[in-house]
């Protein structure tokens, strides 16, 4: 009898495991491995949250993690100047358009779009919660090269030795934490899953590495 009761549980466990598997990077990011983009243009984030400053906070911290992955990134100040000259400061204007003209204008192989769907700060819980979508599109044929959506909870931790002290301390940490730290941690966490670019010693060597989930939640400190 115990064996028959156990079978449904094992089946449910197998099903839950299969839904969490994503495959290896060379399969999940097949287009990126085939095209091997060298340069990436980072568009100003699309801000759909109630946090007005979120756009600038995320934009300023997007460059470093992509560069660390082995890609050349267009300098943000130069990017903004060119976009302003073209009267195209808002990335929304390009989101559903062909990237071929953008590639010709900037001389890049791909474009990164980020959409900030939510930004919430809870002082009592000492947390900042954001939901951001990352999407890289080829300027050669408009193929999608990378796409992840992450809900990141930034939970700064401070231990004073007492429950009340920890609560007060965490409230102060959250109150004085620079919001840009949230953007930096979120971008680092999500973009670490990008396959290595041509400037990285891991270039073309990480194809068998397991890819992260396309939609996920995580807590960072």
Protein backbone atom coordinates (compact mmCIF):
# COMPACT_ATOMS: atom_id res chain seq x y z
CA UNK A 1 0.00 0.00 0.00
CA UNK A 2 2.80 2.38 0.87
CA UNK A 3 4.35 1.82 -2.54
CA UNK A 4 1.13 2.83 -4.31
CA UNK A 5 0.83 5.93 -2.18
CA UNK A 6 4.40 6.83 -2.98
CA UNK A 7 4.05 6.65 -6.77
CA UNK A 8 1.85 9.78 -7.16
CA UNK A 9 4.25 11.71 -4.93
CA UNK A 10 7.21 10.67 -7.05
CA UNK A 11 5.35 11.64 -10.22
CA UNK A 12 4.48 15.05 -8.79
CA UNK A 13 8.12 15.55 -7.76
CA UNK A 14 9.34 14.66 -11.25
CA UNK A 15 6.85 17.07 -12.80
CA UNK A 16 7.93 19.92 -10.53
CA UNK A 17 11.57 19.28 -11.36
CA UNK A 18 10.93 19.27 -15.11
CA UNK A 19 9.24 22.65 -14.96
CA UNK A 20 12.31 24.23 -13.37
CA UNK A 21 14.77 22.99 -15.99
CA UNK A 22 15.78 25.53 -18.60
CA UNK A 23 18.49 23.80 -20.61
CA UNK A 24 22.06 24.79 -21.36
CA UNK A 25 23.07 28.26 -22.54
CA UNK A 26 23.92 27.21 -26.09
CA UNK A 27 20.30 26.04 -26.49
CA UNK A 28 18.49 28.76 -24.55
CA UNK A 29 20.52 31.56 -26.14
CA UNK A 30 21.01 29.88 -29.50
CA UNK A 31 20.71 33.09 -31.54
CA UNK A 32 23.31 34.85 -29.42
CA UNK A 33 25.81 32.00 -29.89
CA UNK A 34 25.19 31.98 -33.64
CA UNK A 35 25.60 35.73 -34.11
CA UNK A 36 28.31 36.42 -31.51
CA UNK A 37 27.54 40.17 -31.15
CA UNK A 38 30.59 42.23 -30.32
CA UNK A 39 29.01 45.58 -29.42
CA UNK A 40 25.79 46.43 -27.56
CA UNK A 41 23.81 49.65 -27.32
CA UNK A 42 22.04 50.08 -23.97
CA UNK A 43 18.81 52.01 -24.41
CA UNK A 44 17.46 54.15 -21.55
CA UNK A 45 15.15 51.95 -19.44
CA UNK A 46 11.41 52.01 -19.99
CA UNK A 47 9.92 52.91 -16.62
CA UNK A 48 6.42 51.61 -15.94
CA UNK A 49 6.78 51.82 -12.17
CA UNK A 50 5.73 54.62 -9.83
CA UNK A 51 9.39 55.31 -9.02
CA UNK A 52 10.24 58.36 -11.13
CA UNK A 53 13.99 58.07 -10.58
CA UNK A 54 14.11 54.36 -11.49
CA UNK A 55 15.00 55.06 -15.12
CA UNK A 56 18.21 56.93 -14.30
CA UNK A 57 19.11 54.61 -11.42
CA UNK A 58 19.05 51.54 -13.63
CA UNK A 59 20.65 53.14 -16.66
CA UNK A 60 23.71 54.20 -14.71
CA UNK A 61 24.38 50.66 -13.49
CA UNK A 62 23.76 48.65 -16.67
CA UNK A 63 27.09 49.25 -18.40
CA UNK A 64 29.50 47.52 -16.00
CA UNK A 65 27.93 44.02 -15.85
CA UNK A 66 27.65 43.82 -19.66
CA UNK A 67 31.25 44.95 -20.06
CA UNK A 68 32.32 42.36 -17.51
CA UNK A 69 30.62 39.70 -19.60
CA UNK A 70 32.99 40.54 -22.47
CA UNK A 71 31.06 42.98 -24.68
CA UNK A 72 31.80 46.48 -25.91
CA UNK A 73 29.11 48.87 -24.70
CA UNK A 74 28.44 52.23 -26.30
CA UNK A 75 29.31 55.02 -23.81
CA UNK A 76 26.04 56.15 -22.17
CA UNK A 77 26.75 59.89 -22.48
CA UNK A 78 27.43 59.56 -26.19
CA UNK A 79 24.35 57.39 -26.59
CA UNK A 80 22.17 59.97 -24.89
CA UNK A 81 23.56 62.81 -26.98
CA UNK A 82 22.85 60.99 -30.22
CA UNK A 83 19.37 59.99 -29.10
CA UNK A 84 18.58 63.58 -28.13
CA UNK A 85 19.79 64.82 -31.51
CA UNK A 86 17.43 62.32 -33.11
CA UNK A 87 14.62 63.45 -30.74
CA UNK A 88 14.42 59.87 -29.54
CA UNK A 89 15.25 59.94 -25.82
CA UNK A 90 12.51 57.44 -24.95
CA UNK A 91 13.24 53.79 -25.69
CA UNK A 92 9.51 53.20 -26.15
CA UNK A 93 9.88 54.72 -29.62
CA UNK A 94 12.14 51.85 -30.69
CA UNK A 95 10.80 48.91 -28.71
CA UNK A 96 8.55 47.52 -31.47
CA UNK A 97 10.57 48.80 -34.42
CA UNK A 98 13.28 47.20 -36.51
CA UNK A 99 16.74 47.56 -34.98
CA UNK A 100 18.52 47.61 -38.33
CA UNK A 101 18.51 51.42 -38.58
CA UNK A 102 19.65 51.70 -34.96
CA UNK A 103 22.53 49.40 -35.78
CA UNK A 104 23.52 51.55 -38.73
CA UNK A 105 23.26 54.77 -36.71
CA UNK A 106 25.35 53.55 -33.77
CA UNK A 107 27.43 50.87 -35.46
CA UNK A 108 26.42 48.17 -32.96
CA UNK A 109 25.47 44.51 -33.28
CA UNK A 110 22.69 44.41 -30.69
CA UNK A 111 20.44 46.60 -28.53
CA UNK A 112 19.48 46.05 -24.88
CA UNK A 113 16.01 47.10 -23.73
CA UNK A 114 15.08 47.11 -20.05
CA UNK A 115 11.56 47.61 -18.74
CA UNK A 116 11.03 48.41 -15.06
CA UNK A 117 7.61 46.97 -14.30
CA UNK A 118 7.60 47.54 -10.56
CA UNK A 119 9.61 49.27 -7.83
CA UNK A 120 8.35 49.09 -4.26
CA UNK A 121 10.02 50.04 -1.00
CA UNK A 122 8.73 48.73 2.33
CA UNK A 123 10.42 50.41 5.27
CA UNK A 124 8.94 48.10 7.90
CA UNK A 125 10.20 44.99 6.13
CA UNK A 126 13.46 46.71 5.26
CA UNK A 127 13.20 45.64 1.64
CA UNK A 128 13.19 47.05 -1.85
CA UNK A 129 11.43 44.99 -4.50
CA UNK A 130 11.79 45.48 -8.24
CA UNK A 131 10.59 43.61 -11.30
CA UNK A 132 12.65 44.25 -14.41
CA UNK A 133 12.57 42.76 -17.90
CA UNK A 134 15.78 42.51 -19.96
CA UNK A 135 15.69 41.97 -23.70
CA UNK A 136 18.58 42.02 -26.20
CA UNK A 137 17.69 42.30 -29.90
CA UNK A 138 19.98 41.85 -32.89
CA UNK A 139 20.47 44.79 -35.24
CA UNK A 140 21.18 42.39 -38.11
CA UNK A 141 17.85 40.65 -38.38
CA UNK A 142 15.83 41.71 -35.32
CA UNK A 143 16.24 38.30 -33.68
CA UNK A 144 15.85 38.12 -29.92
CA UNK A 145 19.20 37.14 -28.39
CA UNK A 146 18.50 37.33 -24.65
CA UNK A 147 15.32 37.66 -22.59
CA UNK A 148 14.88 37.43 -18.82
CA UNK A 149 12.41 38.91 -16.34
CA UNK A 150 13.43 38.99 -12.71
CA UNK A 151 11.72 40.00 -9.49
CA UNK A 152 14.55 40.97 -7.19
CA UNK A 153 14.13 41.69 -3.50
CA UNK A 154 16.97 43.68 -1.97
CA UNK A 155 17.05 42.92 1.76
CA UNK A 156 19.91 44.70 3.55
CA UNK A 157 20.84 42.84 6.70
CA UNK A 158 22.08 44.24 9.98
CA UNK A 159 22.52 42.34 13.25
CA UNK A 160 22.54 44.28 16.53
CA UNK A 161 21.93 41.30 18.83
CA UNK A 162 18.27 41.97 19.53
CA UNK A 163 15.05 41.67 17.53
CA UNK A 164 14.02 45.28 18.21
CA UNK A 165 17.50 46.56 17.51
CA UNK A 166 17.65 44.65 14.24
CA UNK A 167 14.30 46.08 13.17
CA UNK A 168 15.36 49.67 13.89
CA UNK A 169 18.78 49.16 12.33
CA UNK A 170 17.31 47.62 9.18
CA UNK A 171 14.90 50.53 8.85
CA UNK A 172 17.80 52.97 9.01
CA UNK A 173 19.87 50.96 6.55
CA UNK A 174 17.00 50.95 4.08
CA UNK A 175 16.33 54.64 4.63
CA UNK A 176 19.94 55.58 3.85
CA UNK A 177 20.75 52.95 1.26
CA UNK A 178 21.45 54.53 -2.08
CA UNK A 179 18.77 53.47 -4.52
CA UNK A 180 21.45 52.93 -7.15
CA UNK A 181 22.69 49.95 -5.12
CA UNK A 182 19.38 48.25 -5.82
CA UNK A 183 19.84 48.79 -9.55
CA UNK A 184 23.42 47.56 -9.45
CA UNK A 185 22.58 44.35 -7.61
CA UNK A 186 19.59 43.63 -9.84
CA UNK A 187 21.53 44.18 -13.07
CA UNK A 188 24.49 42.13 -11.87
CA UNK A 189 22.25 39.24 -10.84
CA UNK A 190 20.25 39.07 -14.08
CA UNK A 191 23.00 39.79 -16.61
CA UNK A 192 25.42 37.27 -15.11
CA UNK A 193 23.46 34.68 -17.11
CA UNK A 194 24.53 36.25 -20.42
CA UNK A 195 26.88 34.04 -22.45
CA UNK A 196 30.41 35.43 -22.44
CA UNK A 197 31.31 37.90 -25.18
CA UNK A 198 34.37 38.01 -27.40
CA UNK A 199 36.40 40.07 -24.91
CA UNK A 200 35.98 37.44 -22.18
CA UNK A 201 38.36 34.48 -21.64
CA UNK A 202 35.21 32.36 -21.33
CA UNK A 203 34.07 33.24 -24.85
CA UNK A 204 32.57 30.21 -26.61
CA UNK A 205 33.40 28.01 -23.59
CA UNK A 206 30.21 28.33 -21.57
CA UNK A 207 27.73 26.75 -23.96
CA UNK A 208 27.27 23.66 -21.76
CA UNK A 209 26.61 25.75 -18.64
CA UNK A 210 23.05 25.61 -17.31
CA UNK A 211 21.04 28.70 -18.18
CA UNK A 212 19.00 30.58 -15.61
CA UNK A 213 15.21 30.69 -15.71
CA UNK A 214 13.61 33.15 -18.10
CA UNK A 215 11.29 34.34 -15.31
CA UNK A 216 12.48 34.13 -11.73
CA UNK A 217 12.47 35.63 -8.24
CA UNK A 218 15.50 36.10 -6.02
CA UNK A 219 16.61 37.77 -2.80
CA UNK A 220 19.92 39.66 -2.72
CA UNK A 221 21.69 41.34 0.18
